[in-house]
Amino acid sequence: MRFWCSNTGENWTWSWQPYWGAWIVVALLGFAYYRAGAFRPEHGKGRRIGIVVGLVLLLAGIDWPLATLGAGYLITAQMVRQIIIVMIACPLLLWAAPPAAGRALVATERRKAIYRVVSSPKFTLPVALGMLIAVTAPVVVDRLITSQIGSFLMDVIWIGAGILIWLPVQPPRPLRARVQGPPQVVYLIIVSVVPLPIAFFMSWSPFPIFAEYELAPRIWDGLSAANDQELGAAIFQVVGGLVIWAQIAVRFIKMSREGNETPKFRGKLVPSQPEGVTAAVGAPRPEEGSP
C-alpha cells in the first residue's frame, strides 16, 4: 500500500490499490466529528446522514480508483475529483458539523478575530479561488502529480479551498453566515464564474496542455489525451455549474418560504384604548414646566 496517489507511469489495472493516507485522513475526521457529538440523536438524523455521505464522498475523491485515475491517467477524473471534494463534500461536511465544531471556531478572542477574517467574502473569494486556479494550472499540475507528497498537497489545497469557499454562506452551527439573503446568490454566482477561464482554455486549446496526461498510458483507445482534456473541461463546466446552481436554487426556495411566512395584517385597526376611556380618564397631563 502507498501513502497517496501519484503518477507512476505504469499501465492501468483495475486491481484494488487503497492509499493508507486517505483512509487515515477520513478516519481522523470521522473521529473528530464523533468526539464533537455529531452522531448523537439530538444532532438530527439528516445531519448524521450528511456526515456519513460527506465522509464517503471525501474518501471516494482521494482514494482508489478515482484518485489513481486523476493523478496519473485522466484529467477528466481529476476534474470529477475536484467537483466531489470542493463542491459537494466540503459544504456537506460544514452543514452537518455539530454545534461544538462551530463554537470551537470562536472559543477565544483570537479565534473570533481569525474567523472574522477567513469567513469574509473579501478574503475567501480571492484566496480560495486563487488556490483552485493555481492547482489547475498545467505548470503546477505537471509538477505536483508526479509525487505522492505533491498529490497530497494538491488534495489538501482542494479541501482548504472548499472550506473557505463555503464558510461565508454555510458555516457550522450555531455560527451565523456572513453573507445573508440575495447577496448569497451573488456570491455563489461569482464562485461559479471565476474558474471558467481555465475550463475554456482546456476546451479550445488545439493540443493537450498537461504534459503528464498527454504522455500517460491510455486506458481506452478511443479516448485520446485531447479528447480527455475536452471531456474534463466539459464536466468541470457543466457538472460543477449544476452543483453551484443547485445550491443557488435551494437558497432561492428558502428565501421564498421565509417571505411567505412573514405575518401579514388582516382585520380592523382598533384604538389602543376603547372609546370613552380617554374621556373618562381625562386629557393627558401637560409635562412639568409646560404652560
Protein backbone atom coordinates (compact mmCIF):
# COMPACT_ATOMS: atom_id res chain seq x y z
CA MET A 1 0.00 0.00 0.00
CA ARG A 2 1.14 3.52 -0.80
CA PHE A 3 0.60 6.69 1.21
CA TRP A 4 -1.10 8.75 -1.53
CA CYS A 5 -1.88 8.70 -5.22
CA SER A 6 0.65 9.88 -7.81
CA ASN A 7 1.62 9.44 -11.44
CA THR A 8 3.70 6.25 -11.61
CA GLY A 9 3.77 5.86 -15.39
CA GLU A 10 2.56 2.27 -15.10
CA ASN A 11 -0.20 0.76 -17.22
CA TRP A 12 -3.65 0.97 -15.68
CA THR A 13 -5.01 -2.01 -13.77
CA TRP A 14 -8.36 -2.48 -12.05
CA SER A 15 -6.80 -4.30 -9.09
CA TRP A 16 -7.65 -2.55 -5.82
CA GLN A 17 -4.86 -0.27 -4.55
CA PRO A 18 -6.05 1.63 -1.48
CA TYR A 19 -3.99 4.52 -0.09
CA TRP A 20 -3.49 4.28 3.64
CA GLY A 21 -3.03 8.05 3.95
CA ALA A 22 -6.50 8.68 2.54
CA TRP A 23 -8.10 6.22 4.95
CA ILE A 24 -6.29 7.77 7.92
CA VAL A 25 -7.39 11.30 6.95
CA VAL A 26 -11.06 10.26 6.69
CA ALA A 27 -10.87 8.16 9.87
CA LEU A 28 -9.39 11.06 11.86
CA LEU A 29 -12.01 13.44 10.53
CA GLY A 30 -14.79 10.99 11.38
CA PHE A 31 -13.36 10.52 14.88
CA ALA A 32 -13.25 14.30 15.38
CA TYR A 33 -16.92 14.54 14.39
CA TYR A 34 -17.75 11.69 16.75
CA ARG A 35 -15.97 13.35 19.69
CA ALA A 36 -17.84 16.58 18.94
CA GLY A 37 -21.17 14.77 19.28
CA ALA A 38 -22.06 14.56 15.61
CA PHE A 39 -23.65 11.13 15.91
CA ARG A 40 -25.83 11.78 18.95
CA PRO A 41 -29.61 11.53 18.42
CA GLU A 42 -30.17 15.19 19.25
CA HIS A 43 -27.96 16.21 16.33
CA GLY A 44 -30.69 15.17 13.90
CA LYS A 45 -30.96 12.24 11.54
CA GLY A 46 -30.48 14.34 8.41
CA ARG A 47 -27.22 15.84 9.60
CA ARG A 48 -25.91 12.48 10.81
CA ILE A 49 -26.58 11.06 7.37
CA GLY A 50 -24.93 14.13 5.86
CA ILE A 51 -21.74 13.46 7.80
CA VAL A 52 -21.57 9.86 6.61
CA VAL A 53 -22.26 10.83 2.99
CA GLY A 54 -19.71 13.64 3.17
CA LEU A 55 -17.01 11.35 4.55
CA VAL A 56 -17.76 8.68 1.93
CA LEU A 57 -17.57 11.27 -0.86
CA LEU A 58 -14.31 12.63 0.51
CA LEU A 59 -12.83 9.13 0.61
CA ALA A 60 -14.07 8.50 -2.93
CA GLY A 61 -12.28 11.63 -4.06
CA ILE A 62 -8.89 10.88 -2.51
CA ASP A 63 -8.69 7.08 -2.75
CA TRP A 64 -8.56 4.44 -5.49
CA PRO A 65 -9.79 4.28 -8.22
CA LEU A 66 -10.73 7.91 -8.83
CA ALA A 67 -7.61 9.38 -7.24
CA THR A 68 -5.38 6.95 -9.13
CA LEU A 69 -7.05 7.79 -12.43
CA GLY A 70 -6.87 11.51 -11.72
CA ALA A 71 -3.24 11.55 -10.65
CA GLY A 72 -1.80 9.51 -13.47
CA TYR A 73 -4.14 8.85 -16.36
CA LEU A 74 -7.16 11.10 -16.99
CA ILE A 75 -7.65 14.83 -16.49
CA THR A 76 -11.37 14.02 -16.64
CA ALA A 77 -11.05 12.05 -13.41
CA GLN A 78 -9.12 14.94 -11.88
CA MET A 79 -11.96 17.36 -12.68
CA VAL A 80 -14.52 14.93 -11.22
CA ARG A 81 -12.42 14.70 -8.06
CA GLN A 82 -12.32 18.48 -7.73
CA ILE A 83 -16.10 18.72 -8.05
CA ILE A 84 -16.68 15.97 -5.48
CA ILE A 85 -14.25 17.36 -2.93
CA VAL A 86 -14.69 21.13 -3.32
CA MET A 87 -18.30 21.46 -4.44
CA ILE A 88 -20.06 18.58 -2.66
CA ALA A 89 -18.12 17.01 0.23
CA CYS A 90 -16.85 20.24 1.83
CA PRO A 91 -20.20 22.10 2.00
CA LEU A 92 -21.94 18.93 3.14
CA LEU A 93 -19.49 18.40 5.99
CA LEU A 94 -19.80 22.05 7.02
CA TRP A 95 -23.60 21.85 7.02
CA ALA A 96 -23.62 18.61 9.01
CA ALA A 97 -20.98 19.69 11.54
CA PRO A 98 -22.17 19.59 15.18
CA PRO A 99 -22.61 22.83 17.15
CA ALA A 100 -19.48 22.04 19.16
CA ALA A 101 -17.42 22.49 16.00
CA GLY A 102 -18.90 25.92 15.36
CA ARG A 103 -18.39 27.02 18.95
CA ALA A 104 -14.78 25.81 18.85
CA LEU A 105 -14.05 28.14 15.93
CA VAL A 106 -14.87 31.20 18.07
CA ALA A 107 -13.99 29.88 21.53
CA THR A 108 -11.42 32.62 22.22
CA GLU A 109 -10.99 36.24 21.17
CA ARG A 110 -8.09 35.29 18.92
CA ARG A 111 -10.15 32.60 17.21
CA LYS A 112 -13.02 35.04 16.76
CA ALA A 113 -10.68 37.51 15.08
CA ILE A 114 -9.28 34.81 12.80
CA TYR A 115 -12.76 33.56 11.95
CA ARG A 116 -13.96 37.06 11.07
CA VAL A 117 -11.14 37.31 8.55
CA VAL A 118 -11.31 33.86 6.95
CA SER A 119 -15.11 33.90 6.70
CA SER A 120 -15.26 37.26 4.95
CA PRO A 121 -16.03 37.15 1.20
CA LYS A 122 -13.31 39.75 0.68
CA PHE A 123 -10.86 37.09 1.88
CA THR A 124 -12.42 33.85 0.65
CA LEU A 125 -13.07 34.87 -2.95
CA PRO A 126 -9.51 35.90 -3.91
CA VAL A 127 -7.72 33.38 -1.70
CA ALA A 128 -9.82 30.25 -2.27
CA LEU A 129 -10.41 30.83 -5.96
CA GLY A 130 -6.76 31.74 -6.39
CA MET A 131 -5.81 28.43 -4.76
CA LEU A 132 -8.08 26.49 -7.13
CA ILE A 133 -6.82 28.30 -10.21
CA ALA A 134 -3.20 27.77 -9.13
CA VAL A 135 -3.53 24.00 -8.72
CA THR A 136 -5.31 23.72 -12.07
CA ALA A 137 -2.54 25.48 -14.00
CA PRO A 138 -0.62 22.99 -16.20
CA VAL A 139 2.81 24.03 -14.90
CA VAL A 140 1.69 23.30 -11.33
CA VAL A 141 -0.30 20.14 -12.06
CA ASP A 142 2.54 18.52 -14.02
CA ARG A 143 4.89 19.05 -11.09
CA LEU A 144 2.59 18.01 -8.27
CA ILE A 145 1.07 14.78 -9.59
CA THR A 146 4.44 13.11 -10.15
CA SER A 147 4.97 12.56 -6.41
CA GLN A 148 2.84 11.35 -3.52
CA ILE A 149 3.65 14.45 -1.46
CA GLY A 150 2.76 16.71 -4.38
CA SER A 151 -0.58 14.96 -4.94
CA PHE A 152 -1.27 15.09 -1.21
CA LEU A 153 -0.56 18.84 -1.22
CA MET A 154 -2.96 19.32 -4.15
CA ASP A 155 -5.75 17.49 -2.31
CA VAL A 156 -5.10 19.50 0.87
CA ILE A 157 -5.36 22.72 -1.16
CA TRP A 158 -8.64 21.49 -2.66
CA ILE A 159 -10.07 20.73 0.78
CA GLY A 160 -8.86 24.03 2.21
CA ALA A 161 -10.26 25.99 -0.72
CA GLY A 162 -13.55 24.12 -0.45
CA ILE A 163 -13.91 25.04 3.22
CA LEU A 164 -13.03 28.68 2.59
CA ILE A 165 -15.44 29.00 -0.34
CA TRP A 166 -18.43 27.70 1.61
CA LEU A 167 -17.65 29.18 5.03
CA PRO A 168 -19.25 32.61 4.37
CA VAL A 169 -22.58 31.08 3.28
CA GLN A 170 -22.71 27.77 5.15
CA PRO A 171 -20.77 27.86 8.42
CA PRO A 172 -21.13 25.21 11.12
CA ARG A 173 -23.96 25.78 13.58
CA PRO A 174 -24.56 27.89 15.63
CA LEU A 175 -22.48 30.41 13.69
CA ARG A 176 -24.37 32.85 11.50
CA ALA A 177 -23.50 33.05 7.81
CA ARG A 178 -21.54 36.19 6.98
CA VAL A 179 -23.46 36.53 3.70
CA GLN A 180 -27.25 36.55 4.04
CA GLY A 181 -30.19 36.67 1.64
CA PRO A 182 -29.76 37.72 -2.02
CA PRO A 183 -26.02 38.50 -1.58
CA GLN A 184 -25.55 34.75 -1.06
CA VAL A 185 -26.79 34.18 -4.60
CA VAL A 186 -24.43 36.83 -5.97
CA TYR A 187 -21.54 35.28 -4.05
CA LEU A 188 -22.22 31.80 -5.42
CA ILE A 189 -22.57 33.11 -8.97
CA ILE A 190 -19.12 34.68 -8.66
CA VAL A 191 -17.77 31.37 -7.36
CA SER A 192 -19.22 29.56 -10.37
CA VAL A 193 -17.86 32.03 -12.93
CA VAL A 194 -14.29 32.73 -11.83
CA PRO A 195 -12.76 29.26 -12.55
CA LEU A 196 -14.34 29.05 -16.03
CA PRO A 197 -11.46 30.65 -18.00
CA ILE A 198 -9.28 27.61 -17.30
CA ALA A 199 -12.04 25.29 -18.48
CA PHE A 200 -12.50 27.37 -21.63
CA PHE A 201 -8.76 27.24 -22.29
CA MET A 202 -8.82 23.46 -21.87
CA SER A 203 -11.76 23.19 -24.26
CA TRP A 204 -10.41 25.36 -27.05
CA SER A 205 -6.71 24.54 -26.89
CA PRO A 206 -5.70 22.75 -30.14
CA PHE A 207 -3.31 20.50 -28.22
CA PRO A 208 -3.09 18.88 -24.75
CA ILE A 209 -1.87 21.41 -22.21
CA PHE A 210 -0.93 18.90 -19.47
CA ALA A 211 2.26 17.04 -20.36
CA GLU A 212 1.78 14.28 -17.79
CA TYR A 213 -1.69 13.40 -19.06
CA GLU A 214 -0.58 13.61 -22.69
CA LEU A 215 2.16 11.05 -22.06
CA ALA A 216 0.15 8.85 -19.67
CA PRO A 217 -0.76 5.29 -20.73
CA ARG A 218 -4.16 5.20 -22.43
CA ILE A 219 -6.94 3.37 -20.61
CA TRP A 220 -9.30 3.32 -23.58
CA ASP A 221 -8.02 3.52 -27.14
CA GLY A 222 -10.85 5.78 -28.24
CA LEU A 223 -10.08 8.41 -25.58
CA SER A 224 -7.02 10.37 -26.66
CA ALA A 225 -5.29 12.96 -24.49
CA ALA A 226 -7.02 15.77 -26.42
CA ASN A 227 -10.44 14.11 -26.07
CA ASP A 228 -9.81 13.54 -22.38
CA GLN A 229 -8.96 17.20 -21.91
CA GLU A 230 -12.11 18.37 -23.71
CA LEU A 231 -14.27 15.95 -21.74
CA GLY A 232 -12.71 17.06 -18.45
CA ALA A 233 -13.37 20.72 -19.28
CA ALA A 234 -16.98 19.96 -20.20
CA ILE A 235 -17.59 18.06 -16.97
CA PHE A 236 -15.96 20.82 -14.94
CA GLN A 237 -18.15 23.49 -16.55
CA VAL A 238 -21.46 21.63 -16.76
CA VAL A 239 -21.49 19.41 -13.68
CA GLY A 240 -19.66 21.91 -11.49
CA GLY A 241 -22.03 24.64 -12.63
CA LEU A 242 -25.08 22.48 -11.94
CA VAL A 243 -23.87 21.80 -8.40
CA ILE A 244 -23.45 25.52 -7.73
CA TRP A 245 -26.81 26.39 -9.27
CA ALA A 246 -28.48 23.68 -7.21
CA GLN A 247 -27.16 25.47 -4.13
CA ILE A 248 -28.47 28.76 -5.52
CA ALA A 249 -31.89 27.19 -6.16
CA VAL A 250 -32.06 25.88 -2.59
CA ARG A 251 -31.38 29.36 -1.27
CA PHE A 252 -33.99 30.90 -3.56
CA ILE A 253 -36.58 28.43 -2.27
CA LYS A 254 -35.58 29.11 1.32
CA MET A 255 -35.85 32.88 0.84
CA SER A 256 -39.24 32.44 -0.83
CA ARG A 257 -40.56 30.38 2.07
CA GLU A 258 -39.26 32.87 4.60
CA GLY A 259 -41.03 35.65 2.68
CA ASN A 260 -44.30 33.72 2.65
CA GLU A 261 -44.05 33.09 6.38
CA THR A 262 -43.85 36.82 7.15
CA PRO A 263 -47.02 37.64 9.16
CA LYS A 264 -49.50 39.84 7.28
CA PHE A 265 -52.08 42.06 8.99
CA ARG A 266 -55.70 41.14 8.42
CA GLY A 267 -58.65 42.76 10.21
CA LYS A 268 -59.71 46.13 11.51
CA LEU A 269 -57.47 48.61 13.24
CA VAL A 270 -58.75 49.48 16.71
CA PRO A 271 -57.50 52.14 19.13
CA SER A 272 -55.24 51.02 21.93
CA GLN A 273 -57.93 52.20 24.40
CA PRO A 274 -61.67 51.68 23.98
CA GLU A 275 -63.78 54.69 23.12
CA GLY A 276 -64.76 56.71 26.17
CA VAL A 277 -61.75 55.66 28.21
CA THR A 278 -59.82 58.75 27.24
CA ALA A 279 -62.78 60.95 28.14
CA ALA A 280 -63.20 59.19 31.47
CA VAL A 281 -59.58 59.43 32.35
CA GLY A 282 -59.26 62.93 31.03
CA ALA A 283 -56.79 64.56 28.73
CA PRO A 284 -53.15 63.75 29.30
CA ARG A 285 -51.48 65.99 31.84
CA PRO A 286 -49.06 68.53 30.42
CA GLU A 287 -45.40 67.95 31.12
CA GLU A 288 -43.89 69.80 34.05
CA GLY A 289 -42.87 73.28 33.12
CA SER A 290 -45.19 73.50 30.13
CA PRO A 291 -47.68 76.43 30.04
